Amino acid sequence: MAQFDDGKEAGALRTIGEVAKATGIKPHVLRYWEQQFPMLKPLTRSGGRRYYRPEDVALVERIDRLVNREGYTLKGARAALREVPDQQATAQTPAVPDAPGNILPRLKAIRDDLRRALAA
């Protein structure tokens, strides 16, 4: 989770500069991600100033993890974000991670994707 040392409360709105500083992601990258990820929609005020809510910051961190740490392409990260709901939603509907029924459909989908890629 991003660490903000600006004295604001945890639920406060943050400017793009504050988010960039806390996450280490440059503002131009954040603006580009807003174009590439339709679910990333910070509030905009007069003059086009962006204000990121805590859920926007969490989404930026998820995108950063997928793209810069796990090696997803932007297209793959978009698909992964659509496929797996945010952590707040999954907390409401707990899943058993080790249950074979939970992973089997995902593994089959990966297998099918690999088959199509190899056939092309």
N, C-alpha and C. Protein backbone atom coordinates (compact mmCIF):
# COMPACT_ATOMS: atom_id res chain seq x y z
N MET A 1 0.84 -1.17 0.00
CA MET A 1 0.00 0.00 0.00
C MET A 1 0.89 1.24 0.00
N ALA A 2 0.51 2.21 -0.78
CA ALA A 2 1.28 3.45 -0.88
C ALA A 2 1.34 4.15 0.47
N GLN A 3 2.49 4.69 0.76
CA GLN A 3 2.68 5.43 2.01
C GLN A 3 2.69 6.92 1.72
N PHE A 4 1.72 7.61 2.26
CA PHE A 4 1.64 9.05 2.09
C PHE A 4 2.07 9.70 3.40
N ASP A 5 3.07 10.58 3.35
CA ASP A 5 3.47 11.28 4.56
C ASP A 5 3.15 12.77 4.41
N ASP A 6 1.88 13.03 4.16
CA ASP A 6 1.46 14.42 3.96
C ASP A 6 0.53 14.90 5.07
N GLY A 7 0.29 14.06 6.07
CA GLY A 7 -0.55 14.46 7.18
C GLY A 7 -2.04 14.33 6.92
N LYS A 8 -2.43 13.92 5.73
CA LYS A 8 -3.85 13.76 5.42
C LYS A 8 -4.34 12.42 5.97
N GLU A 9 -5.64 12.33 6.14
CA GLU A 9 -6.24 11.07 6.57
C GLU A 9 -6.12 10.03 5.47
N ALA A 10 -6.23 8.76 5.84
CA ALA A 10 -6.06 7.67 4.88
C ALA A 10 -7.08 7.74 3.75
N GLY A 11 -8.28 8.21 4.01
CA GLY A 11 -9.32 8.27 2.99
C GLY A 11 -9.34 9.56 2.19
N ALA A 12 -8.35 10.41 2.37
CA ALA A 12 -8.34 11.71 1.69
C ALA A 12 -8.06 11.55 0.20
N LEU A 13 -8.53 12.53 -0.57
CA LEU A 13 -8.23 12.56 -2.00
C LEU A 13 -6.78 12.99 -2.19
N ARG A 14 -6.14 12.43 -3.22
CA ARG A 14 -4.73 12.74 -3.49
C ARG A 14 -4.58 13.27 -4.90
N THR A 15 -3.67 14.20 -5.08
CA THR A 15 -3.39 14.71 -6.42
C THR A 15 -2.53 13.69 -7.17
N ILE A 16 -2.43 13.88 -8.47
CA ILE A 16 -1.63 12.96 -9.27
C ILE A 16 -0.15 13.03 -8.83
N GLY A 17 0.30 14.21 -8.41
CA GLY A 17 1.67 14.34 -7.93
C GLY A 17 1.92 13.57 -6.65
N GLU A 18 0.94 13.61 -5.74
CA GLU A 18 1.06 12.86 -4.49
C GLU A 18 1.07 11.36 -4.74
N VAL A 19 0.21 10.90 -5.65
CA VAL A 19 0.16 9.48 -5.98
C VAL A 19 1.45 9.05 -6.66
N ALA A 20 1.94 9.89 -7.56
CA ALA A 20 3.19 9.58 -8.26
C ALA A 20 4.35 9.46 -7.28
N LYS A 21 4.43 10.36 -6.34
CA LYS A 21 5.51 10.35 -5.37
C LYS A 21 5.42 9.11 -4.47
N ALA A 22 4.22 8.78 -4.00
CA ALA A 22 4.03 7.66 -3.09
C ALA A 22 4.25 6.31 -3.76
N THR A 23 3.89 6.20 -5.04
CA THR A 23 4.00 4.91 -5.72
C THR A 23 5.27 4.76 -6.55
N GLY A 24 5.93 5.88 -6.83
CA GLY A 24 7.11 5.83 -7.68
C GLY A 24 6.79 5.72 -9.16
N ILE A 25 5.54 6.03 -9.51
CA ILE A 25 5.10 5.98 -10.91
C ILE A 25 4.96 7.41 -11.40
N LYS A 26 5.58 7.72 -12.52
CA LYS A 26 5.58 9.09 -13.03
C LYS A 26 4.17 9.52 -13.44
N PRO A 27 3.87 10.82 -13.27
CA PRO A 27 2.53 11.31 -13.60
C PRO A 27 2.10 11.03 -15.04
N HIS A 28 3.02 11.12 -16.00
CA HIS A 28 2.62 10.86 -17.38
C HIS A 28 2.21 9.40 -17.58
N VAL A 29 2.81 8.50 -16.80
CA VAL A 29 2.42 7.09 -16.87
C VAL A 29 1.02 6.92 -16.27
N LEU A 30 0.76 7.59 -15.18
CA LEU A 30 -0.58 7.51 -14.57
C LEU A 30 -1.64 8.04 -15.53
N ARG A 31 -1.35 9.14 -16.21
CA ARG A 31 -2.31 9.67 -17.18
C ARG A 31 -2.53 8.69 -18.34
N TYR A 32 -1.45 8.05 -18.80
CA TYR A 32 -1.56 7.05 -19.87
C TYR A 32 -2.39 5.86 -19.41
N TRP A 33 -2.16 5.41 -18.19
CA TRP A 33 -2.93 4.29 -17.66
C TRP A 33 -4.41 4.63 -17.57
N GLU A 34 -4.74 5.88 -17.32
CA GLU A 34 -6.16 6.27 -17.30
C GLU A 34 -6.80 6.03 -18.66
N GLN A 35 -6.02 6.21 -19.73
CA GLN A 35 -6.54 5.96 -21.08
C GLN A 35 -6.64 4.46 -21.35
N GLN A 36 -5.70 3.69 -20.83
CA GLN A 36 -5.62 2.27 -21.14
C GLN A 36 -6.50 1.39 -20.25
N PHE A 37 -6.82 1.87 -19.07
CA PHE A 37 -7.62 1.09 -18.13
C PHE A 37 -8.89 1.87 -17.82
N PRO A 38 -10.00 1.50 -18.46
CA PRO A 38 -11.25 2.25 -18.29
C PRO A 38 -11.74 2.29 -16.84
N MET A 39 -11.33 1.32 -16.04
CA MET A 39 -11.80 1.30 -14.66
C MET A 39 -11.04 2.29 -13.76
N LEU A 40 -9.94 2.85 -14.26
CA LEU A 40 -9.18 3.85 -13.52
C LEU A 40 -9.70 5.24 -13.88
N LYS A 41 -10.54 5.78 -13.02
CA LYS A 41 -11.18 7.07 -13.28
C LYS A 41 -11.10 7.95 -12.04
N PRO A 42 -9.97 8.65 -11.86
CA PRO A 42 -9.92 9.58 -10.73
C PRO A 42 -10.89 10.74 -10.97
N LEU A 43 -11.27 11.39 -9.89
CA LEU A 43 -12.14 12.56 -10.02
C LEU A 43 -11.38 13.67 -10.73
N THR A 44 -12.06 14.42 -11.57
CA THR A 44 -11.43 15.56 -12.21
C THR A 44 -12.22 16.80 -11.84
N ARG A 45 -11.49 17.84 -11.53
CA ARG A 45 -12.09 19.11 -11.16
C ARG A 45 -11.76 20.15 -12.22
N SER A 46 -12.17 21.37 -11.97
CA SER A 46 -11.92 22.44 -12.93
C SER A 46 -10.43 22.53 -13.25
N GLY A 47 -10.14 22.81 -14.49
CA GLY A 47 -8.76 22.89 -14.92
C GLY A 47 -8.16 21.52 -15.17
N GLY A 48 -8.95 20.46 -15.03
CA GLY A 48 -8.48 19.12 -15.30
C GLY A 48 -7.65 18.50 -14.19
N ARG A 49 -7.67 19.09 -13.00
CA ARG A 49 -6.91 18.50 -11.89
C ARG A 49 -7.52 17.17 -11.50
N ARG A 50 -6.63 16.19 -11.35
CA ARG A 50 -7.08 14.85 -10.99
C ARG A 50 -6.96 14.65 -9.48
N TYR A 51 -7.96 14.00 -8.91
CA TYR A 51 -7.93 13.65 -7.50
C TYR A 51 -8.21 12.16 -7.38
N TYR A 52 -7.24 11.45 -6.85
CA TYR A 52 -7.34 10.01 -6.71
C TYR A 52 -7.95 9.64 -5.36
N ARG A 53 -8.98 8.80 -5.41
CA ARG A 53 -9.59 8.26 -4.20
C ARG A 53 -8.73 7.09 -3.73
N PRO A 54 -8.90 6.62 -2.50
CA PRO A 54 -8.12 5.47 -2.03
C PRO A 54 -8.27 4.23 -2.94
N GLU A 55 -9.48 4.01 -3.47
CA GLU A 55 -9.67 2.86 -4.37
C GLU A 55 -8.95 3.05 -5.70
N ASP A 56 -8.80 4.30 -6.14
CA ASP A 56 -8.01 4.58 -7.35
C ASP A 56 -6.54 4.27 -7.11
N VAL A 57 -6.05 4.66 -5.93
CA VAL A 57 -4.64 4.40 -5.59
C VAL A 57 -4.41 2.89 -5.52
N ALA A 58 -5.35 2.16 -4.92
CA ALA A 58 -5.22 0.70 -4.84
C ALA A 58 -5.20 0.10 -6.25
N LEU A 59 -6.02 0.61 -7.14
CA LEU A 59 -6.04 0.11 -8.52
C LEU A 59 -4.73 0.42 -9.23
N VAL A 60 -4.18 1.61 -9.02
CA VAL A 60 -2.88 1.96 -9.61
C VAL A 60 -1.82 0.97 -9.13
N GLU A 61 -1.86 0.64 -7.85
CA GLU A 61 -0.88 -0.31 -7.31
C GLU A 61 -1.07 -1.70 -7.91
N ARG A 62 -2.31 -2.11 -8.14
CA ARG A 62 -2.56 -3.42 -8.78
C ARG A 62 -2.05 -3.42 -10.21
N ILE A 63 -2.31 -2.35 -10.94
CA ILE A 63 -1.82 -2.24 -12.32
C ILE A 63 -0.30 -2.28 -12.34
N ASP A 64 0.32 -1.53 -11.43
CA ASP A 64 1.78 -1.51 -11.34
C ASP A 64 2.33 -2.90 -11.07
N ARG A 65 1.70 -3.61 -10.14
CA ARG A 65 2.17 -4.97 -9.81
C ARG A 65 2.06 -5.88 -11.04
N LEU A 66 0.91 -5.83 -11.72
CA LEU A 66 0.71 -6.70 -12.88
C LEU A 66 1.70 -6.38 -14.00
N VAL A 67 1.85 -5.10 -14.31
CA VAL A 67 2.65 -4.69 -15.47
C VAL A 67 4.15 -4.71 -15.16
N ASN A 68 4.53 -4.13 -14.04
CA ASN A 68 5.96 -3.94 -13.78
C ASN A 68 6.61 -5.03 -12.95
N ARG A 69 5.82 -5.83 -12.25
CA ARG A 69 6.43 -6.88 -11.44
C ARG A 69 6.12 -8.28 -11.95
N GLU A 70 4.90 -8.47 -12.47
CA GLU A 70 4.51 -9.79 -12.94
C GLU A 70 4.65 -9.94 -14.45
N GLY A 71 5.00 -8.87 -15.15
CA GLY A 71 5.30 -8.97 -16.57
C GLY A 71 4.11 -9.01 -17.51
N TYR A 72 2.95 -8.59 -17.06
CA TYR A 72 1.79 -8.56 -17.94
C TYR A 72 1.94 -7.44 -18.97
N THR A 73 1.37 -7.65 -20.14
CA THR A 73 1.22 -6.55 -21.10
C THR A 73 0.05 -5.71 -20.60
N LEU A 74 -0.13 -4.52 -21.18
CA LEU A 74 -1.27 -3.70 -20.77
C LEU A 74 -2.58 -4.41 -21.09
N LYS A 75 -2.64 -5.06 -22.24
CA LYS A 75 -3.84 -5.80 -22.62
C LYS A 75 -4.09 -6.94 -21.63
N GLY A 76 -3.04 -7.66 -21.28
CA GLY A 76 -3.17 -8.76 -20.32
C GLY A 76 -3.57 -8.28 -18.94
N ALA A 77 -3.02 -7.14 -18.53
CA ALA A 77 -3.37 -6.57 -17.22
C ALA A 77 -4.84 -6.15 -17.20
N ARG A 78 -5.31 -5.56 -18.31
CA ARG A 78 -6.74 -5.18 -18.40
C ARG A 78 -7.61 -6.42 -18.24
N ALA A 79 -7.23 -7.49 -18.94
CA ALA A 79 -8.01 -8.73 -18.86
C ALA A 79 -7.97 -9.31 -17.45
N ALA A 80 -6.81 -9.28 -16.83
CA ALA A 80 -6.68 -9.82 -15.47
C ALA A 80 -7.52 -9.01 -14.49
N LEU A 81 -7.57 -7.71 -14.66
CA LEU A 81 -8.36 -6.87 -13.76
C LEU A 81 -9.85 -7.10 -13.96
N ARG A 82 -10.27 -7.38 -15.20
CA ARG A 82 -11.68 -7.68 -15.44
C ARG A 82 -12.04 -9.05 -14.88
N GLU A 83 -11.09 -9.97 -14.95
CA GLU A 83 -11.32 -11.35 -14.53
C GLU A 83 -11.39 -11.47 -13.01
N VAL A 84 -10.50 -10.81 -12.32
CA VAL A 84 -10.41 -10.92 -10.86
C VAL A 84 -10.91 -9.61 -10.26
N PRO A 85 -12.04 -9.63 -9.55
CA PRO A 85 -12.54 -8.41 -8.95
C PRO A 85 -11.58 -7.89 -7.88
N ASP A 86 -11.79 -6.66 -7.48
CA ASP A 86 -10.89 -6.07 -6.50
C ASP A 86 -10.99 -6.81 -5.17
N GLN A 87 -10.02 -6.57 -4.32
CA GLN A 87 -9.91 -7.32 -3.07
C GLN A 87 -11.09 -7.07 -2.14
N GLN A 88 -11.70 -5.90 -2.20
CA GLN A 88 -12.85 -5.65 -1.35
C GLN A 88 -14.00 -6.57 -1.73
N ALA A 89 -14.20 -6.78 -3.01
CA ALA A 89 -15.28 -7.66 -3.46
C ALA A 89 -14.98 -9.11 -3.11
N THR A 90 -13.73 -9.53 -3.24
CA THR A 90 -13.40 -10.92 -2.92
C THR A 90 -13.47 -11.16 -1.43
N ALA A 91 -13.28 -10.11 -0.62
CA ALA A 91 -13.40 -10.28 0.82
C ALA A 91 -14.84 -10.60 1.21
N GLN A 92 -15.80 -10.12 0.42
CA GLN A 92 -17.19 -10.38 0.71
C GLN A 92 -17.60 -11.79 0.28
N THR A 93 -16.95 -12.34 -0.73
CA THR A 93 -17.24 -13.69 -1.20
C THR A 93 -15.96 -14.51 -1.12
N PRO A 94 -15.67 -15.07 0.05
CA PRO A 94 -14.41 -15.79 0.21
C PRO A 94 -14.37 -17.04 -0.65
N ALA A 95 -13.19 -17.30 -1.18
CA ALA A 95 -12.97 -18.49 -1.99
C ALA A 95 -11.95 -19.36 -1.29
N VAL A 96 -12.01 -20.64 -1.54
CA VAL A 96 -11.04 -21.57 -0.98
C VAL A 96 -9.93 -21.72 -2.02
N PRO A 97 -8.74 -21.14 -1.78
CA PRO A 97 -7.72 -21.10 -2.81
C PRO A 97 -7.18 -22.46 -3.20
N ASP A 98 -7.17 -23.43 -2.30
CA ASP A 98 -6.58 -24.72 -2.61
C ASP A 98 -7.57 -25.72 -3.19
N ALA A 99 -8.83 -25.35 -3.28
CA ALA A 99 -9.82 -26.27 -3.82
C ALA A 99 -9.59 -26.45 -5.31
N PRO A 100 -9.47 -27.70 -5.78
CA PRO A 100 -9.19 -27.95 -7.20
C PRO A 100 -10.22 -27.34 -8.14
N GLY A 101 -11.46 -27.25 -7.74
CA GLY A 101 -12.49 -26.70 -8.60
C GLY A 101 -12.31 -25.22 -8.90
N ASN A 102 -11.60 -24.51 -8.03
CA ASN A 102 -11.40 -23.08 -8.23
C ASN A 102 -10.37 -22.78 -9.30
N ILE A 103 -9.37 -23.61 -9.44
CA ILE A 103 -8.27 -23.31 -10.35
C ILE A 103 -8.42 -24.02 -11.70
N LEU A 104 -9.15 -25.09 -11.74
CA LEU A 104 -9.25 -25.88 -12.96
C LEU A 104 -9.76 -25.08 -14.17
N PRO A 105 -10.83 -24.31 -14.06
CA PRO A 105 -11.28 -23.53 -15.24
C PRO A 105 -10.21 -22.54 -15.71
N ARG A 106 -9.50 -21.95 -14.78
CA ARG A 106 -8.44 -20.99 -15.16
C ARG A 106 -7.31 -21.70 -15.89
N LEU A 107 -6.92 -22.87 -15.39
CA LEU A 107 -5.86 -23.64 -16.05
C LEU A 107 -6.28 -24.08 -17.45
N LYS A 108 -7.53 -24.47 -17.60
CA LYS A 108 -8.03 -24.86 -18.92
C LYS A 108 -8.01 -23.68 -19.88
N ALA A 109 -8.38 -22.51 -19.39
CA ALA A 109 -8.35 -21.31 -20.22
C ALA A 109 -6.93 -20.98 -20.65
N ILE A 110 -5.98 -21.12 -19.75
CA ILE A 110 -4.57 -20.88 -20.09
C ILE A 110 -4.11 -21.89 -21.13
N ARG A 111 -4.47 -23.15 -20.95
CA ARG A 111 -4.10 -24.18 -21.92
C ARG A 111 -4.67 -23.85 -23.30
N ASP A 112 -5.93 -23.44 -23.35
CA ASP A 112 -6.56 -23.11 -24.63
C ASP A 112 -5.88 -21.90 -25.28
N ASP A 113 -5.53 -20.91 -24.46
CA ASP A 113 -4.81 -19.74 -24.99
C ASP A 113 -3.46 -20.15 -25.58
N LEU A 114 -2.77 -21.03 -24.89
CA LEU A 114 -1.47 -21.49 -25.40
C LEU A 114 -1.63 -22.27 -26.69
N ARG A 115 -2.64 -23.11 -26.77
CA ARG A 115 -2.90 -23.87 -28.02
C ARG A 115 -3.15 -22.92 -29.19
N ARG A 116 -3.98 -21.91 -28.96
CA ARG A 116 -4.27 -20.95 -30.03
C ARG A 116 -3.01 -20.18 -30.44
N ALA A 117 -2.20 -19.81 -29.46
CA ALA A 117 -0.97 -19.07 -29.76
C ALA A 117 0.01 -19.92 -30.56
N LEU A 118 0.11 -21.17 -30.23
CA LEU A 118 1.03 -22.07 -30.94
C LEU A 118 0.52 -22.40 -32.35
N ALA A 119 -0.78 -22.42 -32.51
CA ALA A 119 -1.37 -22.74 -33.82
C ALA A 119 -1.24 -21.57 -34.78
N ALA A 120 -1.09 -20.37 -34.26
CA ALA A 120 -1.06 -19.18 -35.11
C ALA A 120 0.25 -19.03 -35.85
